[in-house]
């Protein structure tokens, strides 16, 4: 979560589909099943991807970043699909293959769409290496294509469209604005002092791994803005980072300790402050 360049590669490079036991979720890559089925946590994923492509030449190129997002999200058209009506958003971006060969193939299969198919294939071929819960969740992904197509059309809606209904919609325009403000990807990793490490260890409640609180502390320091003591906590993405949804479901509720305040999670996001 601190090394954004490494995170970018997790979303754009090839995933090693493997698992050494039923508790190993490595075959999901930097995702959880909840991210794949409910599409939560994708705002950060999109922003990291956009920033990775927006600043490749050293200057901000929002058009290139938008095209990269479209390529990553691409869903291939079916032979029986009717031509798009005027003004209707496209969902097949095979036309971007030459520009972004790592994000979409010549058939229109985007990186994310391909990842979903590979996850399903791995679970089906290796039932002895995945949990029963994973097998059930992989079954849910059968309906992914239809739902993803609708989401991709929604993401492309202009920011101030008069026909936009609903709240908390994820739009590419919002993503690009945040990417532009955040700038180039960075490695924000740093070392904690021995004294602070011991302090965090003493504060860690029973049942929470020793690695969790130091990561939360460093993420807070690295991302705190001058005009507020609160930092947005992308819970779903931290779940994926730690490789377990226990972070949001189990560890966070236990971390209500002195000097740490956080709000309840909604839509895969929370916020927190640390005062030690």
C-alpha atoms as a PDB file:
ATOM      1  CA  UNK A   1       0.000   0.000   0.000  1.00  0.00           C
ATOM      2  CA  UNK A   2       3.002   2.277   0.428  1.00  0.00           C
ATOM      3  CA  UNK A   3       4.841   1.278  -2.735  1.00  0.00           C
ATOM      4  CA  UNK A   4       2.498   2.609  -5.419  1.00  0.00           C
ATOM      5  CA  UNK A   5       4.805   1.563  -8.263  1.00  0.00           C
ATOM      6  CA  UNK A   6       4.661  -2.033  -7.054  1.00  0.00           C
ATOM      7  CA  UNK A   7       0.896  -1.771  -6.702  1.00  0.00           C
ATOM      8  CA  UNK A   8       0.630  -0.523 -10.297  1.00  0.00           C
ATOM      9  CA  UNK A   9       2.398  -3.652 -11.538  1.00  0.00           C
ATOM     10  CA  UNK A  10       0.000  -5.814  -9.514  1.00  0.00           C
ATOM     11  CA  UNK A  11      -2.857  -4.341 -11.576  1.00  0.00           C
ATOM     12  CA  UNK A  12      -1.194  -4.363 -14.984  1.00  0.00           C
ATOM     13  CA  UNK A  13       1.395  -7.168 -15.143  1.00  0.00           C
ATOM     14  CA  UNK A  14       0.775 -10.919 -15.365  1.00  0.00           C
ATOM     15  CA  UNK A  15      -0.609 -12.607 -12.252  1.00  0.00           C
ATOM     16  CA  UNK A  16       0.900 -15.837 -10.962  1.00  0.00           C
ATOM     17  CA  UNK A  17      -2.162 -18.035 -10.537  1.00  0.00           C
ATOM     18  CA  UNK A  18      -1.137 -20.339  -7.734  1.00  0.00           C
ATOM     19  CA  UNK A  19      -2.021 -21.388  -4.188  1.00  0.00           C
ATOM     20  CA  UNK A  20      -0.100 -23.587  -1.764  1.00  0.00           C
ATOM     21  CA  UNK A  21      -3.106 -24.398   0.450  1.00  0.00           C
ATOM     22  CA  UNK A  22      -6.785 -23.581   0.999  1.00  0.00           C
ATOM     23  CA  UNK A  23      -5.913 -20.448   2.987  1.00  0.00           C
ATOM     24  CA  UNK A  24      -3.677 -19.042   0.242  1.00  0.00           C
ATOM     25  CA  UNK A  25      -5.472 -16.492  -1.957  1.00  0.00           C
ATOM     26  CA  UNK A  26      -2.469 -15.640  -4.140  1.00  0.00           C
ATOM     27  CA  UNK A  27      -4.412 -16.708  -7.246  1.00  0.00           C
ATOM     28  CA  UNK A  28      -6.612 -13.602  -6.792  1.00  0.00           C
ATOM     29  CA  UNK A  29      -3.665 -11.256  -7.261  1.00  0.00           C
ATOM     30  CA  UNK A  30      -4.111  -7.871  -5.559  1.00  0.00           C
ATOM     31  CA  UNK A  31      -7.875  -8.423  -5.247  1.00  0.00           C
ATOM     32  CA  UNK A  32     -10.421 -10.094  -3.002  1.00  0.00           C
ATOM     33  CA  UNK A  33     -13.536 -11.924  -4.167  1.00  0.00           C
ATOM     34  CA  UNK A  34     -15.586  -9.022  -2.789  1.00  0.00           C
ATOM     35  CA  UNK A  35     -13.742  -6.640  -5.119  1.00  0.00           C
ATOM     36  CA  UNK A  36     -14.432  -8.942  -8.070  1.00  0.00           C
ATOM     37  CA  UNK A  37     -18.105  -9.602  -7.355  1.00  0.00           C
ATOM     38  CA  UNK A  38     -19.212  -6.295  -5.805  1.00  0.00           C
ATOM     39  CA  UNK A  39     -16.755  -3.954  -7.608  1.00  0.00           C
ATOM     40  CA  UNK A  40     -15.753  -2.233  -4.354  1.00  0.00           C
ATOM     41  CA  UNK A  41     -12.217  -0.921  -3.970  1.00  0.00           C
ATOM     42  CA  UNK A  42     -11.880  -0.204  -7.693  1.00  0.00           C
ATOM     43  CA  UNK A  43     -11.563   3.550  -7.239  1.00  0.00           C
ATOM     44  CA  UNK A  44      -8.053   3.163  -5.865  1.00  0.00           C
ATOM     45  CA  UNK A  45      -7.225   0.571  -8.530  1.00  0.00           C
ATOM     46  CA  UNK A  46      -8.344   2.945 -11.293  1.00  0.00           C
ATOM     47  CA  UNK A  47      -6.474   5.882  -9.764  1.00  0.00           C
ATOM     48  CA  UNK A  48      -3.221   3.921  -9.502  1.00  0.00           C
ATOM     49  CA  UNK A  49      -3.544   2.780 -13.126  1.00  0.00           C
ATOM     50  CA  UNK A  50      -4.405   6.289 -14.322  1.00  0.00           C
ATOM     51  CA  UNK A  51      -1.434   7.812 -12.515  1.00  0.00           C
ATOM     52  CA  UNK A  52       0.883   5.145 -13.918  1.00  0.00           C
ATOM     53  CA  UNK A  53      -0.013   6.038 -17.505  1.00  0.00           C
ATOM     54  CA  UNK A  54      -0.779   9.731 -17.081  1.00  0.00           C
ATOM     55  CA  UNK A  55       2.773  10.748 -16.170  1.00  0.00           C
ATOM     56  CA  UNK A  56       4.824   8.385 -18.356  1.00  0.00           C
ATOM     57  CA  UNK A  57       6.360  11.277 -20.310  1.00  0.00           C
ATOM     58  CA  UNK A  58       6.807  13.512 -17.272  1.00  0.00           C
ATOM     59  CA  UNK A  59       3.856  15.709 -18.194  1.00  0.00           C
ATOM     60  CA  UNK A  60       0.209  15.029 -17.354  1.00  0.00           C
ATOM     61  CA  UNK A  61      -1.601  13.295 -20.223  1.00  0.00           C
ATOM     62  CA  UNK A  62      -5.206  12.767 -19.118  1.00  0.00           C
ATOM     63  CA  UNK A  63      -6.271  11.486 -22.541  1.00  0.00           C
ATOM     64  CA  UNK A  64      -3.720   8.672 -22.410  1.00  0.00           C
ATOM     65  CA  UNK A  65      -4.759   7.819 -18.851  1.00  0.00           C
ATOM     66  CA  UNK A  66      -8.434   7.616 -19.861  1.00  0.00           C
ATOM     67  CA  UNK A  67      -7.610   5.334 -22.781  1.00  0.00           C
ATOM     68  CA  UNK A  68      -5.568   3.110 -20.457  1.00  0.00           C
ATOM     69  CA  UNK A  69      -8.573   2.762 -18.150  1.00  0.00           C
ATOM     70  CA  UNK A  70     -10.838   1.903 -21.082  1.00  0.00           C
ATOM     71  CA  UNK A  71      -8.370  -0.712 -22.320  1.00  0.00           C
ATOM     72  CA  UNK A  72      -8.026  -2.261 -18.834  1.00  0.00           C
ATOM     73  CA  UNK A  73     -11.803  -2.479 -18.448  1.00  0.00           C
ATOM     74  CA  UNK A  74     -12.562  -3.670 -21.998  1.00  0.00           C
ATOM     75  CA  UNK A  75     -15.139  -6.422 -22.566  1.00  0.00           C
ATOM     76  CA  UNK A  76     -15.178  -8.042 -26.033  1.00  0.00           C
ATOM     77  CA  UNK A  77     -18.343  -7.639 -28.078  1.00  0.00           C
ATOM     78  CA  UNK A  78     -20.251 -10.771 -28.944  1.00  0.00           C
ATOM     79  CA  UNK A  79     -20.910 -11.624 -32.585  1.00  0.00           C
ATOM     80  CA  UNK A  80     -24.641 -11.259 -32.032  1.00  0.00           C
ATOM     81  CA  UNK A  81     -24.354  -7.842 -30.348  1.00  0.00           C
ATOM     82  CA  UNK A  82     -26.243  -5.067 -32.102  1.00  0.00           C
ATOM     83  CA  UNK A  83     -24.322  -1.977 -33.211  1.00  0.00           C
ATOM     84  CA  UNK A  84     -24.110   0.714 -30.536  1.00  0.00           C
ATOM     85  CA  UNK A  85     -26.662   3.485 -30.768  1.00  0.00           C
ATOM     86  CA  UNK A  86     -25.448   7.042 -31.209  1.00  0.00           C
ATOM     87  CA  UNK A  87     -24.234   8.384 -27.872  1.00  0.00           C
ATOM     88  CA  UNK A  88     -24.128   4.926 -26.272  1.00  0.00           C
ATOM     89  CA  UNK A  89     -20.844   4.068 -24.537  1.00  0.00           C
ATOM     90  CA  UNK A  90     -18.575   1.456 -26.075  1.00  0.00           C
ATOM     91  CA  UNK A  91     -17.387  -1.475 -23.950  1.00  0.00           C
ATOM     92  CA  UNK A  92     -15.086  -3.236 -26.437  1.00  0.00           C
ATOM     93  CA  UNK A  93     -11.763  -1.431 -26.844  1.00  0.00           C
ATOM     94  CA  UNK A  94      -9.748  -3.810 -29.004  1.00  0.00           C
ATOM     95  CA  UNK A  95      -8.849  -0.664 -30.962  1.00  0.00           C
ATOM     96  CA  UNK A  96      -6.484   0.230 -28.105  1.00  0.00           C
ATOM     97  CA  UNK A  97      -4.520  -3.034 -28.280  1.00  0.00           C
ATOM     98  CA  UNK A  98      -1.557  -1.614 -30.187  1.00  0.00           C
ATOM     99  CA  UNK A  99      -1.263   1.323 -27.806  1.00  0.00           C
ATOM    100  CA  UNK A 100      -1.785  -0.754 -24.640  1.00  0.00           C
ATOM    101  CA  UNK A 101      -0.908  -4.400 -25.452  1.00  0.00           C
ATOM    102  CA  UNK A 102      -0.537  -5.241 -21.740  1.00  0.00           C
ATOM    103  CA  UNK A 103      -4.042  -3.958 -20.948  1.00  0.00           C
ATOM    104  CA  UNK A 104      -6.204  -5.338 -23.770  1.00  0.00           C
ATOM    105  CA  UNK A 105      -5.666  -8.036 -26.386  1.00  0.00           C
ATOM    106  CA  UNK A 106      -6.585  -7.940 -30.065  1.00  0.00           C
ATOM    107  CA  UNK A 107      -9.957  -9.575 -29.324  1.00  0.00           C
ATOM    108  CA  UNK A 108     -10.999  -6.891 -26.829  1.00  0.00           C
ATOM    109  CA  UNK A 109     -10.316  -8.871 -23.656  1.00  0.00           C
ATOM    110  CA  UNK A 110      -9.224  -6.279 -21.108  1.00  0.00           C
ATOM    111  CA  UNK A 111      -6.811  -7.026 -18.254  1.00  0.00           C
ATOM    112  CA  UNK A 112      -9.564  -7.193 -15.629  1.00  0.00           C
ATOM    113  CA  UNK A 113     -11.911  -9.305 -17.772  1.00  0.00           C
ATOM    114  CA  UNK A 114      -9.058 -11.726 -18.489  1.00  0.00           C
ATOM    115  CA  UNK A 115      -8.146 -11.861 -14.801  1.00  0.00           C
ATOM    116  CA  UNK A 116     -11.692 -12.870 -13.893  1.00  0.00           C
ATOM    117  CA  UNK A 117     -11.638 -15.702 -16.444  1.00  0.00           C
ATOM    118  CA  UNK A 118      -8.262 -16.889 -15.163  1.00  0.00           C
ATOM    119  CA  UNK A 119      -9.447 -16.874 -11.532  1.00  0.00           C
ATOM    120  CA  UNK A 120     -12.484 -18.945 -12.442  1.00  0.00           C
ATOM    121  CA  UNK A 121     -10.334 -21.364 -14.460  1.00  0.00           C
ATOM    122  CA  UNK A 122      -7.843 -21.776 -11.615  1.00  0.00           C
ATOM    123  CA  UNK A 123     -10.551 -22.503  -9.034  1.00  0.00           C
ATOM    124  CA  UNK A 124     -12.244 -25.000 -11.338  1.00  0.00           C
ATOM    125  CA  UNK A 125      -8.963 -26.799 -12.102  1.00  0.00           C
ATOM    126  CA  UNK A 126      -7.669 -26.807  -8.506  1.00  0.00           C
ATOM    127  CA  UNK A 127     -10.576 -27.494  -6.098  1.00  0.00           C
ATOM    128  CA  UNK A 128      -8.175 -29.164  -3.675  1.00  0.00           C
ATOM    129  CA  UNK A 129      -6.142 -25.944  -3.315  1.00  0.00           C
ATOM    130  CA  UNK A 130      -8.979 -23.509  -2.614  1.00  0.00           C
ATOM    131  CA  UNK A 131     -11.590 -23.227   0.104  1.00  0.00           C
ATOM    132  CA  UNK A 132     -15.252 -24.184  -0.292  1.00  0.00           C
ATOM    133  CA  UNK A 133     -16.095 -20.479   0.081  1.00  0.00           C
ATOM    134  CA  UNK A 134     -13.786 -19.645  -2.835  1.00  0.00           C
ATOM    135  CA  UNK A 135     -15.473 -22.268  -5.016  1.00  0.00           C
ATOM    136  CA  UNK A 136     -18.898 -20.766  -4.259  1.00  0.00           C
ATOM    137  CA  UNK A 137     -17.683 -17.208  -4.905  1.00  0.00           C
ATOM    138  CA  UNK A 138     -16.058 -18.248  -8.188  1.00  0.00           C
ATOM    139  CA  UNK A 139     -19.466 -19.564  -9.268  1.00  0.00           C
ATOM    140  CA  UNK A 140     -20.924 -16.102  -8.712  1.00  0.00           C
ATOM    141  CA  UNK A 141     -18.436 -14.753 -11.258  1.00  0.00           C
ATOM    142  CA  UNK A 142     -20.318 -16.537 -14.035  1.00  0.00           C
ATOM    143  CA  UNK A 143     -22.468 -13.437 -14.340  1.00  0.00           C
ATOM    144  CA  UNK A 144     -19.501 -11.073 -14.347  1.00  0.00           C
ATOM    145  CA  UNK A 145     -19.522 -10.131 -18.033  1.00  0.00           C
ATOM    146  CA  UNK A 146     -23.067  -8.735 -18.065  1.00  0.00           C
ATOM    147  CA  UNK A 147     -22.626  -6.757 -14.852  1.00  0.00           C
ATOM    148  CA  UNK A 148     -19.170  -5.475 -15.837  1.00  0.00           C
ATOM    149  CA  UNK A 149     -20.501  -4.240 -19.160  1.00  0.00           C
ATOM    150  CA  UNK A 150     -23.104  -2.141 -17.325  1.00  0.00           C
ATOM    151  CA  UNK A 151     -20.477  -0.820 -14.901  1.00  0.00           C
ATOM    152  CA  UNK A 152     -18.117   0.146 -17.707  1.00  0.00           C
ATOM    153  CA  UNK A 153     -20.861   2.131 -19.407  1.00  0.00           C
ATOM    154  CA  UNK A 154     -21.569   3.888 -16.111  1.00  0.00           C
ATOM    155  CA  UNK A 155     -17.896   4.760 -15.563  1.00  0.00           C
ATOM    156  CA  UNK A 156     -17.870   6.662 -18.853  1.00  0.00           C
ATOM    157  CA  UNK A 157     -20.842   8.912 -18.041  1.00  0.00           C
ATOM    158  CA  UNK A 158     -19.754  12.590 -18.126  1.00  0.00           C
ATOM    159  CA  UNK A 159     -19.312  14.118 -14.689  1.00  0.00           C
ATOM    160  CA  UNK A 160     -22.163  16.610 -15.036  1.00  0.00           C
ATOM    161  CA  UNK A 161     -24.536  14.514 -17.122  1.00  0.00           C
ATOM    162  CA  UNK A 162     -28.143  15.589 -16.533  1.00  0.00           C
ATOM    163  CA  UNK A 163     -29.297  11.975 -16.798  1.00  0.00           C
ATOM    164  CA  UNK A 164     -27.024  10.614 -14.066  1.00  0.00           C
ATOM    165  CA  UNK A 165     -29.024   9.137 -11.208  1.00  0.00           C
ATOM    166  CA  UNK A 166     -27.927   7.702  -7.882  1.00  0.00           C
ATOM    167  CA  UNK A 167     -25.200   8.582  -5.427  1.00  0.00           C
ATOM    168  CA  UNK A 168     -21.615   7.480  -4.900  1.00  0.00           C
ATOM    169  CA  UNK A 169     -21.180   6.652  -8.598  1.00  0.00           C
ATOM    170  CA  UNK A 170     -17.674   5.828  -9.726  1.00  0.00           C
ATOM    171  CA  UNK A 171     -16.821   7.891 -12.815  1.00  0.00           C
ATOM    172  CA  UNK A 172     -13.623   8.013 -14.837  1.00  0.00           C
ATOM    173  CA  UNK A 173     -13.788  11.825 -14.732  1.00  0.00           C
ATOM    174  CA  UNK A 174     -13.479  11.721 -10.925  1.00  0.00           C
ATOM    175  CA  UNK A 175     -10.638   9.211 -11.133  1.00  0.00           C
ATOM    176  CA  UNK A 176      -8.684  11.347 -13.603  1.00  0.00           C
ATOM    177  CA  UNK A 177      -9.150  14.461 -11.472  1.00  0.00           C
ATOM    178  CA  UNK A 178      -7.755  12.684  -8.416  1.00  0.00           C
ATOM    179  CA  UNK A 179      -4.927  11.146 -10.429  1.00  0.00           C
ATOM    180  CA  UNK A 180      -3.977  14.585 -11.733  1.00  0.00           C
ATOM    181  CA  UNK A 181      -3.903  15.994  -8.195  1.00  0.00           C
ATOM    182  CA  UNK A 182      -1.943  13.080  -6.682  1.00  0.00           C
ATOM    183  CA  UNK A 183       0.710  13.115  -9.379  1.00  0.00           C
ATOM    184  CA  UNK A 184       3.238  10.461 -10.302  1.00  0.00           C
ATOM    185  CA  UNK A 185       3.336   7.116  -8.534  1.00  0.00           C
ATOM    186  CA  UNK A 186       5.669   7.001  -5.548  1.00  0.00           C
ATOM    187  CA  UNK A 187       7.293   4.531  -3.215  1.00  0.00           C
ATOM    188  CA  UNK A 188       6.310   5.937   0.180  1.00  0.00           C
ATOM    189  CA  UNK A 189       7.876   3.127   2.202  1.00  0.00           C
ATOM    190  CA  UNK A 190      10.057   4.158   5.161  1.00  0.00           C
ATOM    191  CA  UNK A 191      11.512   2.580   8.281  1.00  0.00           C
ATOM    192  CA  UNK A 192      10.105   3.067  11.772  1.00  0.00           C
ATOM    193  CA  UNK A 193      12.363   3.730  14.742  1.00  0.00           C
ATOM    194  CA  UNK A 194      12.969   0.884  17.140  1.00  0.00           C
ATOM    195  CA  UNK A 195      11.185   2.821  19.894  1.00  0.00           C
ATOM    196  CA  UNK A 196       8.072   3.410  17.766  1.00  0.00           C
ATOM    197  CA  UNK A 197       8.053  -0.205  16.592  1.00  0.00           C
ATOM    198  CA  UNK A 198       8.008  -1.373  20.196  1.00  0.00           C
ATOM    199  CA  UNK A 199       5.238   1.125  21.021  1.00  0.00           C
ATOM    200  CA  UNK A 200       3.069  -0.141  18.170  1.00  0.00           C
ATOM    201  CA  UNK A 201       3.735  -3.733  19.176  1.00  0.00           C
ATOM    202  CA  UNK A 202       2.577  -2.993  22.721  1.00  0.00           C
ATOM    203  CA  UNK A 203      -0.617  -1.381  21.368  1.00  0.00           C
ATOM    204  CA  UNK A 204      -1.458  -4.287  19.063  1.00  0.00           C
ATOM    205  CA  UNK A 205      -4.430  -6.181  20.556  1.00  0.00           C
ATOM    206  CA  UNK A 206      -4.456  -9.930  20.837  1.00  0.00           C
ATOM    207  CA  UNK A 207      -5.796 -11.465  17.638  1.00  0.00           C
ATOM    208  CA  UNK A 208      -4.268  -8.822  15.356  1.00  0.00           C
ATOM    209  CA  UNK A 209      -1.034  -9.721  13.507  1.00  0.00           C
ATOM    210  CA  UNK A 210       2.006  -7.650  14.488  1.00  0.00           C
ATOM    211  CA  UNK A 211       2.407  -6.467  10.881  1.00  0.00           C
ATOM    212  CA  UNK A 212      -0.949  -4.663  10.679  1.00  0.00           C
ATOM    213  CA  UNK A 213      -0.512  -1.635  12.928  1.00  0.00           C
ATOM    214  CA  UNK A 214       2.942  -0.615  11.613  1.00  0.00           C
ATOM    215  CA  UNK A 215       1.563  -0.627   8.037  1.00  0.00           C
ATOM    216  CA  UNK A 216      -1.446   1.457   9.102  1.00  0.00           C
ATOM    217  CA  UNK A 217       0.814   3.910  10.927  1.00  0.00           C
ATOM    218  CA  UNK A 218       3.153   4.348   7.960  1.00  0.00           C
ATOM    219  CA  UNK A 219       0.239   4.704   5.543  1.00  0.00           C
ATOM    220  CA  UNK A 220      -1.222   7.400   7.793  1.00  0.00           C
ATOM    221  CA  UNK A 221       2.017   9.377   7.967  1.00  0.00           C
ATOM    222  CA  UNK A 222       2.656   9.019   4.230  1.00  0.00           C
ATOM    223  CA  UNK A 223      -0.825  10.168   3.196  1.00  0.00           C
ATOM    224  CA  UNK A 224      -1.830  12.751   5.816  1.00  0.00           C
ATOM    225  CA  UNK A 225      -2.687  16.156   4.357  1.00  0.00           C
ATOM    226  CA  UNK A 226      -1.814  19.419   6.113  1.00  0.00           C
ATOM    227  CA  UNK A 227      -5.430  20.606   6.335  1.00  0.00           C
ATOM    228  CA  UNK A 228      -6.865  17.593   8.195  1.00  0.00           C
ATOM    229  CA  UNK A 229      -5.948  14.958  10.757  1.00  0.00           C
ATOM    230  CA  UNK A 230      -8.051  12.334   8.977  1.00  0.00           C
ATOM    231  CA  UNK A 231      -6.737   9.961   6.304  1.00  0.00           C
ATOM    232  CA  UNK A 232      -8.945   7.946   3.969  1.00  0.00           C
ATOM    233  CA  UNK A 233      -8.536   4.233   4.656  1.00  0.00           C
ATOM    234  CA  UNK A 234      -9.240   2.058   1.574  1.00  0.00           C
ATOM    235  CA  UNK A 235     -10.319  -0.984   3.573  1.00  0.00           C
ATOM    236  CA  UNK A 236     -11.052  -3.226   0.580  1.00  0.00           C
ATOM    237  CA  UNK A 237      -7.612  -2.545  -0.875  1.00  0.00           C
ATOM    238  CA  UNK A 238      -5.966  -3.257   2.472  1.00  0.00           C
ATOM    239  CA  UNK A 239      -7.865  -6.565   2.548  1.00  0.00           C
ATOM    240  CA  UNK A 240      -6.308  -7.391  -0.816  1.00  0.00           C
ATOM    241  CA  UNK A 241      -2.876  -6.198   0.336  1.00  0.00           C
ATOM    242  CA  UNK A 242      -2.936  -8.457   3.404  1.00  0.00           C
ATOM    243  CA  UNK A 243      -4.506 -11.279   1.412  1.00  0.00           C
ATOM    244  CA  UNK A 244      -7.445 -11.666   3.766  1.00  0.00           C
ATOM    245  CA  UNK A 245     -10.785  -9.973   4.389  1.00  0.00           C
ATOM    246  CA  UNK A 246     -10.098 -10.501   8.086  1.00  0.00           C
ATOM    247  CA  UNK A 247      -8.426  -7.081   8.046  1.00  0.00           C
ATOM    248  CA  UNK A 248     -11.714  -5.228   7.595  1.00  0.00           C
ATOM    249  CA  UNK A 249     -13.985  -7.723   9.334  1.00  0.00           C
ATOM    250  CA  UNK A 250     -11.854  -8.678  12.326  1.00  0.00           C
ATOM    251  CA  UNK A 251      -8.693  -6.631  12.806  1.00  0.00           C
ATOM    252  CA  UNK A 252     -10.103  -3.112  12.451  1.00  0.00           C
ATOM    253  CA  UNK A 253     -12.817  -3.574  15.099  1.00  0.00           C
ATOM    254  CA  UNK A 254     -10.105  -4.729  17.501  1.00  0.00           C
ATOM    255  CA  UNK A 255      -7.930  -1.688  16.791  1.00  0.00           C
ATOM    256  CA  UNK A 256      -9.993   0.750  18.825  1.00  0.00           C
ATOM    257  CA  UNK A 257      -7.078   1.447  21.106  1.00  0.00           C
ATOM    258  CA  UNK A 258      -5.703   4.609  22.680  1.00  0.00           C
ATOM    259  CA  UNK A 259      -4.412   7.045  20.089  1.00  0.00           C
ATOM    260  CA  UNK A 260      -6.235   5.462  17.139  1.00  0.00           C
ATOM    261  CA  UNK A 261      -9.662   6.563  15.929  1.00  0.00           C
ATOM    262  CA  UNK A 262     -11.458   5.230  12.875  1.00  0.00           C
ATOM    263  CA  UNK A 263     -14.962   5.409  11.439  1.00  0.00           C
ATOM    264  CA  UNK A 264     -17.189   2.562  10.339  1.00  0.00           C
ATOM    265  CA  UNK A 265     -16.571   1.179   6.856  1.00  0.00           C
ATOM    266  CA  UNK A 266     -18.993   2.015   4.036  1.00  0.00           C
ATOM    267  CA  UNK A 267     -18.571   1.122   0.346  1.00  0.00           C
ATOM    268  CA  UNK A 268     -15.196  -0.436   1.196  1.00  0.00           C
ATOM    269  CA  UNK A 269     -13.786   2.804   2.629  1.00  0.00           C
ATOM    270  CA  UNK A 270     -13.241   4.220   6.108  1.00  0.00           C
ATOM    271  CA  UNK A 271     -11.153   7.017   7.576  1.00  0.00           C
ATOM    272  CA  UNK A 272      -8.846   7.143  10.554  1.00  0.00           C
ATOM    273  CA  UNK A 273      -6.442   9.251  12.599  1.00  0.00           C
ATOM    274  CA  UNK A 274      -3.476   8.272  14.723  1.00  0.00           C
ATOM    275  CA  UNK A 275      -2.153  10.379  17.569  1.00  0.00           C
ATOM    276  CA  UNK A 276       0.739   8.655  19.341  1.00  0.00           C
END
